[in-house]
Structure formats: structure tokens, C-alpha cells
Protein backbone atom coordinates (compact mmCIF):
# COMPACT_ATOMS: atom_id res chain seq x y z
CA MET A 1 95.56 125.40 92.32
CA VAL A 2 93.94 123.35 90.41
CA GLU A 3 93.29 124.23 87.11
CA SER A 4 89.63 124.04 85.21
CA SER A 5 90.56 124.35 81.51
CA SER A 6 91.95 121.78 80.12
CA SER A 7 94.32 123.35 78.26
CA SER A 8 96.55 122.56 81.79
CA ARG A 9 97.62 118.90 80.42
CA SER A 10 99.84 121.07 77.48
CA ARG A 11 102.15 123.12 80.37
CA ALA A 12 102.18 119.91 82.68
CA ASP A 13 105.16 117.94 81.13
CA ALA A 14 107.13 120.60 83.45
CA HIS A 15 107.18 117.42 86.09
CA PRO A 16 105.47 114.64 84.75
CA GLU A 17 106.32 112.11 87.54
CA LEU A 18 104.40 113.88 90.05
CA GLU A 19 100.87 111.50 89.70
CA THR A 20 103.73 108.64 89.06
CA GLU A 21 105.22 109.42 92.29
CA THR A 22 102.23 110.42 94.33
CA LEU A 23 100.72 106.75 92.80
CA ARG A 24 104.33 104.42 93.93
CA LEU A 25 103.38 106.06 97.06
CA ILE A 26 99.91 104.96 97.48
CA ASN A 27 100.92 101.22 96.26
CA LEU A 28 103.95 101.78 98.93
CA ILE A 29 101.22 102.36 101.57
CA GLY A 30 98.41 99.89 100.01
CA TYR A 31 101.45 97.08 99.50
CA SER A 32 102.07 97.36 103.84
CA ALA A 33 98.64 98.03 105.06
CA HIS A 34 97.41 94.89 103.56
CA GLY A 35 100.96 92.73 103.47
CA ARG A 36 101.91 89.85 106.13
CA THR A 37 104.36 92.53 106.73
CA PHE A 38 101.60 94.12 108.31
CA ALA A 39 101.03 91.71 111.43
CA ARG A 40 105.08 91.26 112.00
CA ARG A 41 105.85 94.92 112.04
CA PHE A 42 102.41 95.24 114.81
CA GLU A 43 103.80 92.21 116.91
CA ARG A 44 107.59 94.05 116.56
CA ALA A 45 106.04 97.41 117.81
CA THR A 46 103.41 96.81 120.27
CA GLY A 47 104.28 92.64 121.48
CA ILE A 48 100.75 91.29 120.38
CA SER A 49 100.43 88.79 117.58
CA LEU A 50 97.37 88.36 115.19
CA PRO A 51 96.45 88.02 111.56
CA GLY A 52 96.42 90.70 109.09
CA SER A 53 92.49 90.50 108.89
CA ASP A 54 91.61 90.98 112.78
CA LEU A 55 94.52 94.02 113.08
CA ARG A 56 92.84 95.77 110.54
CA ALA A 57 89.36 95.07 111.44
CA LEU A 58 91.48 96.12 115.53
CA ILE A 59 93.05 99.79 113.87
CA ALA A 60 88.71 100.53 112.40
CA LEU A 61 87.88 99.88 115.40
CA ARG A 62 87.20 103.26 117.59
CA PRO A 63 87.12 103.87 121.64
CA ALA A 64 83.68 105.74 121.92
CA PRO A 65 81.11 105.92 120.41
CA PRO A 66 81.06 102.46 119.98
CA ALA A 67 79.84 101.74 115.28
CA PRO A 68 77.75 99.41 113.86
CA ILE A 69 79.23 96.25 113.72
CA GLY A 70 77.21 97.07 109.86
CA GLU A 71 78.88 100.02 108.86
CA LEU A 72 82.29 97.87 109.96
CA SER A 73 81.76 95.28 107.58
CA ALA A 74 81.44 98.28 105.09
CA GLU A 75 84.52 100.03 105.54
CA LEU A 76 85.98 97.34 105.54
CA GLY A 77 84.64 95.03 102.59
CA ILE A 78 84.37 91.85 104.10
CA ASP A 79 81.28 89.52 105.00
CA LEU A 80 79.48 90.46 107.96
CA GLY A 81 80.07 86.98 108.95
CA GLN A 82 83.75 86.59 109.26
CA LEU A 83 83.58 90.41 110.36
CA SER A 84 82.13 88.70 113.74
CA ARG A 85 84.63 86.04 114.43
CA GLN A 86 87.20 88.71 113.68
CA VAL A 87 85.85 91.10 116.19
CA ALA A 88 85.20 87.15 118.73
CA THR A 89 88.07 86.91 118.54
CA LEU A 90 89.74 90.21 119.52
CA VAL A 91 86.94 90.35 122.36
CA GLU A 92 88.59 87.06 123.57
CA GLU A 93 91.82 89.13 123.47
CA GLY A 94 90.42 91.81 125.02
CA LEU A 95 91.33 94.73 122.97
CA ALA A 96 87.24 94.50 121.77
CA LEU A 97 83.76 95.26 123.08
CA ARG A 98 80.61 94.28 121.85
CA GLU A 99 77.06 95.16 122.68
CA PRO A 100 73.46 95.63 121.72
CA ASP A 101 72.50 99.16 120.61
CA SER A 102 70.61 100.21 123.18
CA ALA A 103 67.87 102.65 120.32
CA ASP A 104 67.88 98.92 118.42
CA ARG A 105 68.80 96.36 120.10
CA ARG A 106 68.95 94.06 116.77
CA ARG A 107 71.94 95.78 116.23
CA MET A 108 75.68 95.09 117.30
CA LEU A 109 77.94 97.12 118.39
CA VAL A 110 81.53 96.89 118.44
CA GLY A 111 84.60 99.34 119.29
CA LEU A 112 87.44 99.44 121.12
CA THR A 113 88.40 99.24 124.68
CA ASP A 114 91.02 101.23 126.75
CA GLU A 115 93.67 98.54 126.32
CA GLY A 116 92.90 97.98 122.37
CA ALA A 117 93.26 102.12 122.19
CA ARG A 118 96.34 101.90 123.73
CA LEU A 119 97.13 99.43 121.39
CA VAL A 120 95.63 101.27 118.20
CA GLN A 121 97.87 104.38 119.56
CA ARG A 122 100.98 102.53 120.10
CA TRP A 123 100.53 101.34 116.27
CA ARG A 124 100.14 105.04 115.30
CA ARG A 125 103.44 106.08 116.91
CA SER A 126 105.27 103.68 115.39
CA TRP A 127 104.53 103.83 112.12
CA VAL A 128 104.19 107.84 111.98
CA GLN A 129 108.42 108.41 112.32
CA ASP A 130 108.51 106.24 108.67
CA TYR A 131 107.44 109.38 107.56
CA LEU A 132 109.52 111.92 109.20
CA ASP A 133 112.39 109.83 108.98
CA PRO A 134 112.69 110.72 105.48
CA VAL A 135 112.03 114.65 105.61
CA ARG A 136 113.91 115.52 109.05
CA ASP A 137 115.75 117.44 106.65
CA ARG A 138 113.55 119.37 104.29
CA ASN A 139 112.92 123.16 105.39
CA PRO A 140 110.10 124.68 106.33
CA ASP A 141 108.27 125.48 102.23
CA GLN A 142 109.51 121.84 101.41
CA LEU A 143 107.06 120.19 104.02
CA ALA A 144 104.12 122.44 103.34
CA ALA A 145 104.30 122.33 99.69
CA LEU A 146 104.30 118.13 100.29
CA ALA A 147 101.49 119.48 103.29
CA GLU A 148 98.78 120.83 100.42
CA TRP A 149 99.56 118.34 98.03
CA LEU A 150 98.82 115.01 100.11
CA ASP A 151 95.69 116.95 101.11
CA HIS A 152 94.91 117.90 97.84
CA VAL A 153 95.37 113.91 96.80
CA ALA A 154 93.21 112.56 100.31
CA ASP A 155 90.41 114.37 98.87
CA ARG A 156 90.11 113.13 95.69
CA LEU A 157 90.75 109.23 97.35
CA ALA A 158 88.23 110.01 100.09
CA GLU A 159 86.46 110.65 97.32
CA ALA A 160 86.67 109.04 94.57
CA LEU A 161 86.36 105.71 97.38
CA ASP A 162 83.49 107.02 99.11
CA THR A 163 85.34 106.64 102.09
CA GLN A 164 85.56 109.64 105.40
CA ASP A 165 88.03 110.22 106.81
CA SER A 166 88.45 109.06 110.24
CA GLY A 167 89.71 112.03 111.77
CA LEU A 168 91.90 110.25 114.28
CA GLY A 169 95.11 112.94 113.48
CA LEU A 170 98.46 112.92 115.18
CA PRO A 171 98.88 110.31 117.71
CA ALA A 172 99.05 111.42 121.31
CA GLY A 173 102.87 110.92 122.38
CA TRP A 174 103.99 111.75 118.28
CA GLN A 175 106.77 114.02 119.86
CA ARG A 176 108.26 111.68 122.27
CA ALA A 177 108.52 109.10 120.43
CA ALA A 178 109.94 111.22 118.26
CA LYS A 179 112.17 113.48 120.07
CA ILE A 180 111.18 116.29 119.01
CA SER A 181 110.61 118.96 122.05
CA ASP A 182 108.89 121.64 119.75
CA PRO A 183 107.83 120.80 116.07
CA ASP A 184 107.58 123.51 113.47
CA PRO A 185 104.03 124.25 112.15
CA ALA A 186 104.92 123.04 108.77
CA LEU A 187 106.29 119.86 109.99
CA LYS A 188 103.20 118.77 111.68
CA ASP A 189 100.37 119.86 109.03
CA TYR A 190 103.28 117.43 106.56
CA LEU A 191 102.33 114.46 108.92
CA ARG A 192 98.76 115.30 109.31
CA ALA A 193 98.59 114.99 105.65
CA VAL A 194 100.90 111.53 105.32
CA VAL A 195 98.55 109.93 108.19
CA ARG A 196 95.11 110.34 106.83
CA LEU A 197 96.44 109.45 103.35
CA ALA A 198 97.42 106.67 104.55
CA GLU A 199 95.10 105.97 106.54
CA ILE A 200 91.98 106.60 103.22
CA VAL A 201 94.45 103.80 101.81
CA GLY A 202 95.37 101.98 104.81
CA ARG A 203 90.91 101.19 104.90
CA SER A 204 90.49 100.73 101.38
CA HIS A 205 89.48 97.63 99.58
CA GLY A 206 93.50 97.14 98.09
CA PHE A 207 94.02 96.28 95.19
CA ASP A 208 91.13 93.89 94.38
CA ASP A 209 88.72 96.04 93.09
CA MET A 210 91.52 97.56 90.56
CA LEU A 211 92.51 94.15 89.51
CA SER A 212 89.07 92.66 88.67
CA ALA A 213 88.09 96.02 86.73
CA VAL A 214 90.90 94.57 84.66
CA ASP A 215 90.23 91.10 84.49
CA ALA A 216 93.74 90.29 85.60
CA PRO A 217 93.50 85.93 86.99
CA VAL A 218 95.63 87.39 89.85
CA ARG A 219 93.64 89.11 93.61
CA GLN A 220 96.04 90.55 95.65
CA HIS A 221 98.49 88.63 97.52
CA SER A 222 99.20 86.72 94.08
CA TRP A 223 99.53 91.20 92.84
CA VAL A 224 102.15 91.79 95.78
CA THR A 225 104.14 89.05 94.49
CA LEU A 226 104.60 89.19 90.78
CA ARG A 227 105.24 92.71 91.59
CA LEU A 228 108.14 92.19 94.57
CA ILE A 229 109.05 89.10 91.48
CA SER A 230 109.69 92.27 88.81
CA THR A 231 111.33 94.65 91.01
CA HIS A 232 113.92 92.95 93.19
CA GLY A 233 113.99 89.55 90.46
CA PRO A 234 115.49 86.88 89.44
CA LEU A 235 114.76 85.79 93.34
CA ALA A 236 115.49 82.61 94.91
CA VAL A 237 112.60 81.16 96.45
CA SER A 238 114.27 82.27 100.30
CA ASP A 239 115.08 85.25 99.60
CA LEU A 240 111.50 86.59 98.17
CA ALA A 241 109.81 85.00 101.77
CA ALA A 242 112.01 86.58 103.34
CA ARG A 243 110.80 90.07 100.98
CA MET A 244 107.67 89.10 102.06
CA ASP A 245 108.12 88.04 106.01
CA ILE A 246 106.11 84.62 105.37
CA ASP A 247 108.27 81.13 105.62
CA VAL A 248 108.94 79.35 102.47
CA PRO A 249 105.72 76.31 102.19
CA ARG A 250 103.72 79.74 101.21
CA ALA A 251 105.44 81.14 99.34
CA SER A 252 106.39 78.46 97.15
CA LYS A 253 102.62 78.14 96.78
CA ARG A 254 101.89 81.25 95.46
CA LEU A 255 104.66 81.31 93.24
CA ARG A 256 103.20 77.77 92.18
CA ALA A 257 99.68 79.45 91.49
CA LEU A 258 101.29 82.08 88.92
CA ARG A 259 103.77 80.15 87.39
CA GLU A 260 100.53 77.50 86.48
CA LEU A 261 99.97 81.12 84.66
CA GLY A 262 102.31 81.91 83.20
CA LEU A 263 103.49 85.10 85.28
CA VAL A 264 106.32 83.31 86.03
CA HIS A 265 109.60 81.06 85.14
CA ARG A 266 112.13 79.25 87.34
CA ARG A 267 116.10 78.77 85.76
CA PRO A 268 118.93 78.22 86.94
CA SER A 269 120.92 81.14 88.44
CA GLU A 270 124.02 83.37 87.28
CA GLN A 271 126.31 82.71 89.95
CA ASP A 272 125.29 78.98 90.40
CA ARG A 273 123.26 77.07 88.71
CA ARG A 274 122.82 74.84 90.80
CA VAL A 275 120.45 76.96 92.08
CA GLY A 276 116.88 78.39 90.82
CA VAL A 277 115.66 81.79 90.37
CA ILE A 278 111.84 82.78 89.76
CA GLU A 279 111.81 86.03 86.93
CA VAL A 280 108.59 87.20 85.56
CA THR A 281 107.96 86.35 81.93
CA PRO A 282 106.67 88.98 79.26
CA VAL A 283 103.38 87.33 80.16
CA GLY A 284 103.59 88.26 83.62
CA ALA A 285 105.48 91.86 82.50
CA ASP A 286 101.99 93.13 80.15
CA LEU A 287 99.95 92.31 82.68
CA ILE A 288 101.67 94.25 85.01
CA ARG A 289 102.29 97.07 82.18
CA HIS A 290 98.37 96.97 81.31
CA VAL A 291 97.52 97.45 85.53
CA GLU A 292 99.62 100.26 86.12
CA GLU A 293 98.65 102.00 82.98
CA PHE A 294 94.90 100.86 83.44
CA GLN A 295 96.20 102.38 87.24
CA LEU A 296 97.68 105.84 86.72
CA LYS A 297 94.57 106.71 84.41
CA GLY A 298 92.44 105.89 86.77
CA PHE A 299 94.22 107.78 89.45
CA ARG A 300 95.07 110.79 87.29
CA GLN A 301 91.56 111.22 86.14
CA THR A 302 90.69 111.57 89.86
CA LEU A 303 93.33 114.02 90.64
CA GLY A 304 92.38 116.19 88.32
CA PRO A 305 94.27 118.62 86.24
CA ILE A 306 96.89 120.22 87.86
CA THR A 307 98.79 123.58 87.05
CA ARG A 308 102.76 123.84 85.69
CA ALA A 309 103.38 125.90 88.53
CA ASP A 310 102.00 123.45 91.56
CA ARG A 311 103.85 120.76 89.70
CA THR A 312 106.99 122.53 89.72
CA ARG A 313 106.86 123.25 94.21
CA TRP A 314 104.50 119.86 94.48
CA THR A 315 106.93 116.84 92.71
CA PRO A 316 110.31 117.51 93.56
CA PRO A 317 109.94 117.01 97.93
CA LEU A 318 107.86 114.17 96.13
CA THR A 319 110.17 112.68 94.37
CA THR A 320 111.95 113.01 97.33
CA LEU A 321 109.73 111.01 100.37
CA VAL A 322 109.04 108.26 98.31
CA THR A 323 113.09 107.86 96.96
CA ARG A 324 113.32 107.17 100.70
CA LEU A 325 110.33 105.83 101.84
CA ALA A 326 111.05 103.03 99.09
CA ALA A 327 114.68 102.36 99.34
CA PRO A 328 114.73 99.70 103.49
CA ALA A 329 111.67 97.93 103.25
CA THR A 330 111.98 98.19 107.07
CA THR A 331 110.61 102.02 106.27
CA GLN A 332 107.37 100.92 104.52
CA ARG A 333 104.51 100.96 106.58
């Protein structure tokens, strides 16, 4: 239920954290869908090792019918030449097919092979469990409230991002993988809604559009690194590398760029002064605050006004979900 009157702002104080917690969920999805952890988790779930950029192309493909490669390029927000190279890699691996369009042989169509489709389904079954485990003790009313809110968020985001739903729904075999013989309808509605939201966020252009809009001096990889240090720091370089699931030299390279911009600095550890740790500087903290305020303001405008009754109903189960998802790093997509 969405109010049309601006007077709803004065009645929104019951649960002002609804938008902030929802944005936190979206950022969790975004960080994991656009980071190196994505590729590592995909490999653990499927046994296939591919760069994250190739994986995003793979997951954007559909089994049938194949789609024009230009449409896929626009959807992923990447250069057509780069995408063509990624598709070529997937074709060599037997995961994608590429063929001329029978209606216009100047156009190339791309899609998944049967093996590629099986692989994507296996991956989707794996990460659906991430969103199932935190709600196993929720009652049907709470699950229904979650589904209703997440569907509303997905509707608004799809409109704002000018993207269409994949229409894939829950992956085949998810009940067997989750060891649930007869799922409650409310549970299925919740899972459909959260999968839909995750796929919309995963197909977005990540954080780069937002960072460009505020003239931030960093782009996605550096932003994720900065936010991670802010959340978990001070951190030793080795700890940072482990959290980002990358090697120490690559982590050091990212840190050098952030240090040159004055966003982080190195200081001796309080536990062992022979060891250096990295923490965010006041300049870095100001950038984080500026970007997050901009993001939250835009997000609230996207969602529109919300009644106090809906806030009261939606916020508690959402907050529980996000808290449980954020707790161990392994539960993020």
C-alpha cells in the first residue's frame, strides 16, 4: 500500500530504517555479485572456474531463444567488442552458442547450450540457499510481508534502472537441494521475490553509475575495498586480501591507489607495532558518507512514500533477514 500524499513523511517515523535496511540488502547483493568472491563461489558451487566478467555474461544468457548480442551488451553495460570476446570464451568452453540471426544475418544471436543452462541452474540453486537459511524460522505472515515488500522494491528498481525481469523464477530442483518436500506458499513467494530482486541488482551496472554521478575519485573495485576497510578495519593487508578473496599483491595494488587519493592510511597495529594495519582517513570517511547519503536519497525517491502501517509490518522481518545475511561473509551471494 503506497500513499499518494506527502503527509506520509510525518507518519514514517515508526520504522525509518526500512529504506536503510533495504539499501543494505541491495548493497550486500551488489558487493557479492560484482566482486571476486562471486567467481570463487561460482567455482565452489559448480566446479567451473571463469573470470567474474565472463560469469556475468554467462548468467545473462538465456537457453532459448538466443538473443541479439547487442541487447546483451546494453543489458550488461559493457562494450560490444569486450562482450564478443567473453562470449567467444564461453563458446570454447561449450557453455554458450553463437549463430547468425536468420532474419538478419548481419546480427549475431547468443544463448546458452544445454550444458551452460545446467551450470547456471546449479549455481542459482546454490545461492538461493543463502536467502532461505535466514528465514527458516519465520512464520507465514512474516514471509508474506517480506515477499510483498521485496516485490515492491523490485518493481521500482526495474523501472528506475530501465531493466526487465529475467522471468526465470526459482531454479529447478531448489526444493530438493534445500531438503524441503512441501514448502509453504508464503516461503515460495518470498524466495521468488528475493531471487527476482537479486537478479535485477546483479544485472545492473554495479556501483559505477552512482560513483560517477557524485564525481567520486574511485570506481567499483576501489569503492568496495574502501567500504570493506571502513566496515571491518583497521585491517592488515593479508586480512583485507582474505576478505576480498584475492591475493596479497592485488590487495596491495588497490591499497596504493586509495592511499594516493588520501582515502586510507597505514599505521602500526595496537597489538603488534611491528605490523601495519590499514584504516580509512577522515577524507575517506567523508567520501563514504557523501556517497551513501546520495544513494539513500535517490533510493527513497525511487521507492516513493510508504504508509506507517506498512513500515510497521515490513521492517522487523526485513531487518532480521539483512542482519542474518550480513553476519557471516559466506552467506552473501
